[in-house]
Amino acid sequence: LKQLGTITDKPITHVISTHVHGDHWLGNQAIAEAFPEAVFMAHPEMIKRAHAGAADEWINLMAQATEGFTAGTRAVIPAVSTSEIGRLETGGMTFRFHAPERAHSGTDVMIEVVEESVLFLGDNVTYKRIARMDDASFNGSIAACDTAIDLAVLHYIPGHGPTGDVGIVNEFRKYLATLYGEAERLYEEGLADFEMKPEIVQKLAPYADWVNFDDQVGRHISLAILEIEKNNF
């Protein structure tokens, strides 16, 4: 809110939460307290999951991760579905909502600001950072990247990292496609996930310096195999 105050003195009228993961929306409380008339919006599945327990899970997770610093946070769950309205026109601006299926979390919405040629990607794309894929699918995430690329906006804002051009999306897509494609190829050759890991890691060498690479790449390979098996069932 302090940072926004350095840019504009206009009130916040709408807040669009990109997905259910709490690091992207638990700040809603501060906005609701400062601007009680603000409208909170999200993908309908995000709203459903938040009410079904995800909100409490994330409040507890954030409290543990910050050693109690965020204690007292109250979940302000969005009430308006982005899917029901499709777009928002306010303040002379047009916001279009793009909801890729089963991408990063299954609750995702990307927000296009038409007049500014901007796309907020949520965690469907991160900058030089390996995102968790436990709630995601590789094919859905790749499709989300394709949607973002096809929109051909000038400015892309990833869920984590600095704003950039379409190159951010292309690089993240290439990581996903390389890992999934190699996992599929080696799976068809009869290799188990731990057997294929060294070869896949070698193929992913350009991404070895990305945040969380060492922590997540093995998990990503295992998740890719599960997705491949599900698709072949």
Protein backbone atom coordinates (compact mmCIF):
# COMPACT_ATOMS: atom_id res chain seq x y z
CA LEU A 1 0.00 0.00 0.00
CA LYS A 2 2.88 2.37 0.74
CA GLN A 3 4.39 1.64 -2.66
CA LEU A 4 1.07 2.21 -4.42
CA GLY A 5 0.80 5.53 -2.63
CA THR A 6 3.97 6.70 -4.35
CA ILE A 7 2.31 6.14 -7.73
CA THR A 8 -1.30 7.25 -7.29
CA ASP A 9 -3.68 8.74 -4.75
CA LYS A 10 -6.66 6.98 -6.33
CA PRO A 11 -8.48 4.29 -4.32
CA ILE A 12 -8.13 0.58 -4.94
CA THR A 13 -11.46 -0.54 -6.38
CA HIS A 14 -10.73 -4.11 -7.52
CA VAL A 15 -8.29 -6.84 -6.53
CA ILE A 16 -7.76 -9.90 -8.73
CA SER A 17 -6.07 -12.86 -7.03
CA THR A 18 -4.11 -14.94 -9.54
CA HIS A 19 -4.47 -18.32 -7.79
CA VAL A 20 -5.04 -20.11 -4.51
CA HIS A 21 -1.47 -20.14 -3.19
CA GLY A 22 -1.49 -17.81 -0.22
CA ASP A 23 1.69 -15.90 -0.97
CA HIS A 24 -0.30 -14.29 -3.79
CA TRP A 25 -3.47 -13.25 -1.96
CA LEU A 26 -3.20 -13.22 1.83
CA GLY A 27 -2.35 -9.53 1.53
CA ASN A 28 -6.01 -8.99 0.67
CA GLN A 29 -6.66 -8.25 4.33
CA ALA A 30 -4.59 -5.05 4.26
CA ILE A 31 -6.41 -3.80 1.17
CA ALA A 32 -9.86 -4.65 2.57
CA GLU A 33 -9.09 -2.72 5.74
CA ALA A 34 -7.80 0.33 3.86
CA PHE A 35 -10.43 0.21 1.09
CA PRO A 36 -13.61 -1.47 2.43
CA GLU A 37 -15.47 -0.98 -0.86
CA ALA A 38 -12.88 -2.87 -2.92
CA VAL A 39 -14.17 -5.85 -4.91
CA PHE A 40 -12.11 -9.04 -4.65
CA MET A 41 -12.10 -11.38 -7.64
CA ALA A 42 -10.57 -14.75 -8.55
CA HIS A 43 -11.02 -17.94 -10.54
CA PRO A 44 -14.10 -19.82 -9.24
CA GLU A 45 -11.99 -22.83 -8.31
CA MET A 46 -9.71 -20.60 -6.25
CA ILE A 47 -12.72 -19.30 -4.35
CA LYS A 48 -14.03 -22.84 -3.83
CA ARG A 49 -10.72 -24.24 -2.58
CA ALA A 50 -10.04 -21.28 -0.31
CA HIS A 51 -13.38 -21.83 1.43
CA ALA A 52 -12.76 -25.59 1.55
CA GLY A 53 -9.66 -25.25 3.70
CA ALA A 54 -6.86 -23.88 1.53
CA ALA A 55 -7.11 -20.48 3.20
CA ASP A 56 -6.48 -21.91 6.66
CA GLU A 57 -3.70 -24.14 5.33
CA TRP A 58 -1.88 -21.17 3.83
CA ILE A 59 -2.33 -18.99 6.90
CA ASN A 60 -0.71 -21.72 8.98
CA LEU A 61 2.01 -22.35 6.39
CA MET A 62 2.95 -18.68 6.21
CA ALA A 63 2.98 -18.37 10.00
CA GLN A 64 5.37 -21.31 10.23
CA ALA A 65 7.58 -20.04 7.40
CA THR A 66 7.88 -16.60 9.02
CA GLU A 67 8.24 -17.96 12.56
CA GLY A 68 5.03 -16.28 13.62
CA PHE A 69 5.58 -12.91 11.95
CA THR A 70 2.31 -13.22 9.98
CA ALA A 71 0.27 -14.43 12.96
CA GLY A 72 -3.14 -12.79 13.03
CA THR A 73 -3.55 -12.71 9.27
CA ARG A 74 -7.20 -12.99 8.27
CA ALA A 75 -8.18 -14.60 4.97
CA VAL A 76 -10.16 -12.21 2.77
CA ILE A 77 -11.42 -14.68 0.19
CA PRO A 78 -12.52 -13.22 -3.15
CA ALA A 79 -16.26 -13.31 -3.77
CA VAL A 80 -16.54 -12.49 -7.48
CA SER A 81 -15.71 -15.11 -10.13
CA THR A 82 -13.56 -13.90 -13.01
CA SER A 83 -15.03 -16.66 -15.17
CA GLU A 84 -18.55 -15.33 -14.77
CA ILE A 85 -17.73 -11.85 -16.05
CA GLY A 86 -14.83 -12.64 -18.40
CA ARG A 87 -13.55 -9.08 -18.38
CA LEU A 88 -13.60 -5.96 -16.26
CA GLU A 89 -13.89 -2.38 -17.48
CA THR A 90 -13.14 0.25 -14.87
CA GLY A 91 -11.32 3.56 -14.66
CA GLY A 92 -10.95 3.72 -18.41
CA MET A 93 -9.08 0.40 -18.43
CA THR A 94 -10.01 -3.03 -19.78
CA PHE A 95 -8.92 -6.18 -17.97
CA ARG A 96 -9.35 -9.49 -19.77
CA PHE A 97 -9.16 -12.74 -17.83
CA HIS A 98 -7.50 -15.82 -19.28
CA ALA A 99 -7.97 -19.03 -17.28
CA PRO A 100 -5.76 -21.88 -18.52
CA GLU A 101 -6.92 -25.34 -17.48
CA ARG A 102 -4.79 -27.26 -14.97
CA ALA A 103 -1.77 -25.03 -15.30
CA HIS A 104 0.15 -24.02 -12.16
CA SER A 105 -2.56 -24.76 -9.62
CA GLY A 106 -5.85 -25.48 -11.37
CA THR A 107 -7.14 -22.18 -9.97
CA ASP A 108 -5.21 -19.80 -12.19
CA VAL A 109 -6.19 -16.63 -13.97
CA MET A 110 -3.89 -14.47 -16.08
CA ILE A 111 -4.86 -10.81 -16.32
CA GLU A 112 -4.40 -8.84 -19.53
CA VAL A 113 -4.43 -5.06 -19.23
CA VAL A 114 -5.45 -4.21 -22.77
CA GLU A 115 -4.64 -0.51 -22.98
CA GLU A 116 -1.19 -1.00 -21.44
CA SER A 117 -0.33 -4.20 -23.37
CA VAL A 118 0.49 -5.96 -20.11
CA LEU A 119 -0.12 -9.54 -18.99
CA PHE A 120 0.05 -10.61 -15.34
CA LEU A 121 1.08 -14.27 -15.55
CA GLY A 122 0.66 -15.41 -11.96
CA ASP A 123 2.85 -18.43 -11.21
CA ASN A 124 2.13 -19.94 -14.61
CA VAL A 125 5.47 -18.34 -15.45
CA THR A 126 8.30 -17.39 -13.10
CA TYR A 127 11.58 -15.65 -13.94
CA LYS A 128 14.70 -17.80 -13.55
CA ARG A 129 12.95 -19.71 -10.82
CA ILE A 130 11.74 -23.31 -10.77
CA ALA A 131 8.15 -23.26 -9.60
CA ARG A 132 6.58 -26.08 -7.60
CA MET A 133 4.55 -28.39 -9.84
CA ASP A 134 2.77 -30.44 -7.17
CA ASP A 135 -0.60 -28.85 -8.01
CA ALA A 136 0.22 -28.36 -11.69
CA SER A 137 0.41 -30.26 -14.95
CA PHE A 138 3.18 -29.92 -17.50
CA ASN A 139 0.85 -29.98 -20.49
CA GLY A 140 -1.45 -27.42 -18.89
CA SER A 141 1.46 -25.19 -17.97
CA ILE A 142 2.86 -25.37 -21.49
CA ALA A 143 -0.58 -24.50 -22.86
CA ALA A 144 -0.74 -21.51 -20.50
CA CYS A 145 2.61 -20.33 -21.86
CA ASP A 146 1.29 -20.70 -25.41
CA THR A 147 -1.76 -18.61 -24.53
CA ALA A 148 0.47 -15.92 -23.06
CA ILE A 149 2.75 -15.92 -26.10
CA ASP A 150 -0.18 -15.74 -28.53
CA LEU A 151 -1.51 -12.62 -26.79
CA ALA A 152 1.65 -10.85 -28.00
CA VAL A 153 1.63 -8.11 -25.39
CA LEU A 154 4.62 -5.87 -24.81
CA HIS A 155 5.08 -6.47 -21.09
CA TYR A 156 4.91 -9.77 -19.19
CA ILE A 157 4.80 -9.81 -15.38
CA PRO A 158 5.75 -13.20 -13.89
CA GLY A 159 4.55 -14.46 -10.54
CA HIS A 160 8.08 -14.15 -9.18
CA GLY A 161 10.81 -12.01 -10.68
CA PRO A 162 11.13 -8.83 -12.75
CA THR A 163 8.91 -7.71 -15.59
CA GLY A 164 10.14 -8.40 -19.11
CA ASP A 165 9.17 -9.24 -22.67
CA VAL A 166 7.95 -12.49 -24.19
CA GLY A 167 11.40 -13.98 -23.71
CA ILE A 168 10.49 -14.69 -20.08
CA VAL A 169 7.63 -16.90 -21.21
CA ASN A 170 9.63 -18.58 -23.96
CA GLU A 171 12.39 -19.58 -21.54
CA PHE A 172 10.01 -20.97 -18.94
CA ARG A 173 8.11 -22.88 -21.62
CA LYS A 174 11.34 -24.34 -22.96
CA TYR A 175 12.25 -25.63 -19.51
CA LEU A 176 8.87 -27.32 -19.11
CA ALA A 177 8.84 -28.78 -22.63
CA THR A 178 12.42 -30.05 -22.40
CA LEU A 179 11.89 -31.78 -19.07
CA TYR A 180 8.56 -33.31 -20.03
CA GLY A 181 9.70 -34.30 -23.52
CA GLU A 182 12.87 -35.98 -22.25
CA ALA A 183 10.99 -37.73 -19.46
CA GLU A 184 8.47 -39.07 -21.97
CA ARG A 185 11.21 -40.29 -24.31
CA LEU A 186 13.18 -42.04 -21.58
CA TYR A 187 10.02 -43.48 -20.01
CA GLU A 188 9.20 -45.11 -23.34
CA GLU A 189 12.69 -46.61 -23.28
CA GLY A 190 11.84 -48.24 -19.96
CA LEU A 191 13.83 -46.06 -17.57
CA ALA A 192 12.62 -45.23 -14.07
CA ASP A 193 12.60 -41.63 -12.85
CA PHE A 194 15.83 -41.97 -10.86
CA GLU A 195 17.56 -43.63 -13.81
CA MET A 196 16.69 -40.85 -16.24
CA LYS A 197 17.49 -37.98 -13.89
CA PRO A 198 21.21 -37.58 -14.79
CA GLU A 199 20.48 -37.35 -18.52
CA ILE A 200 17.59 -34.95 -18.05
CA VAL A 201 19.59 -32.74 -15.69
CA GLN A 202 22.30 -32.56 -18.34
CA LYS A 203 19.73 -31.44 -20.92
CA LEU A 204 18.54 -28.79 -18.46
CA ALA A 205 22.02 -27.36 -17.87
CA PRO A 206 20.98 -23.85 -19.07
CA TYR A 207 18.59 -23.70 -16.10
CA ALA A 208 20.93 -25.06 -13.42
CA ASP A 209 21.40 -21.61 -11.88
CA TRP A 210 17.67 -20.94 -11.55
CA VAL A 211 16.31 -20.60 -8.03
CA ASN A 212 15.14 -23.96 -6.60
CA PHE A 213 16.60 -26.00 -9.48
CA ASP A 214 18.48 -28.48 -7.29
CA ASP A 215 15.57 -28.76 -4.85
CA GLN A 216 12.82 -29.25 -7.43
CA VAL A 217 14.20 -30.90 -10.58
CA GLY A 218 14.03 -34.45 -9.21
CA ARG A 219 10.50 -33.86 -8.00
CA HIS A 220 9.58 -32.43 -11.40
CA ILE A 221 10.83 -35.54 -13.17
CA SER A 222 8.76 -37.78 -10.88
CA LEU A 223 5.67 -35.62 -11.43
CA ALA A 224 6.23 -35.68 -15.19
CA ILE A 225 6.29 -39.49 -15.11
CA LEU A 226 3.03 -39.56 -13.16
CA GLU A 227 1.45 -37.26 -15.74
CA ILE A 228 2.76 -39.38 -18.62
CA GLU A 229 1.34 -42.52 -17.05
CA LYS A 230 -2.00 -40.83 -16.45
CA ASN A 231 -2.16 -39.65 -20.06
CA ASN A 232 -1.36 -43.17 -21.28
CA PHE A 233 -3.97 -44.85 -19.10
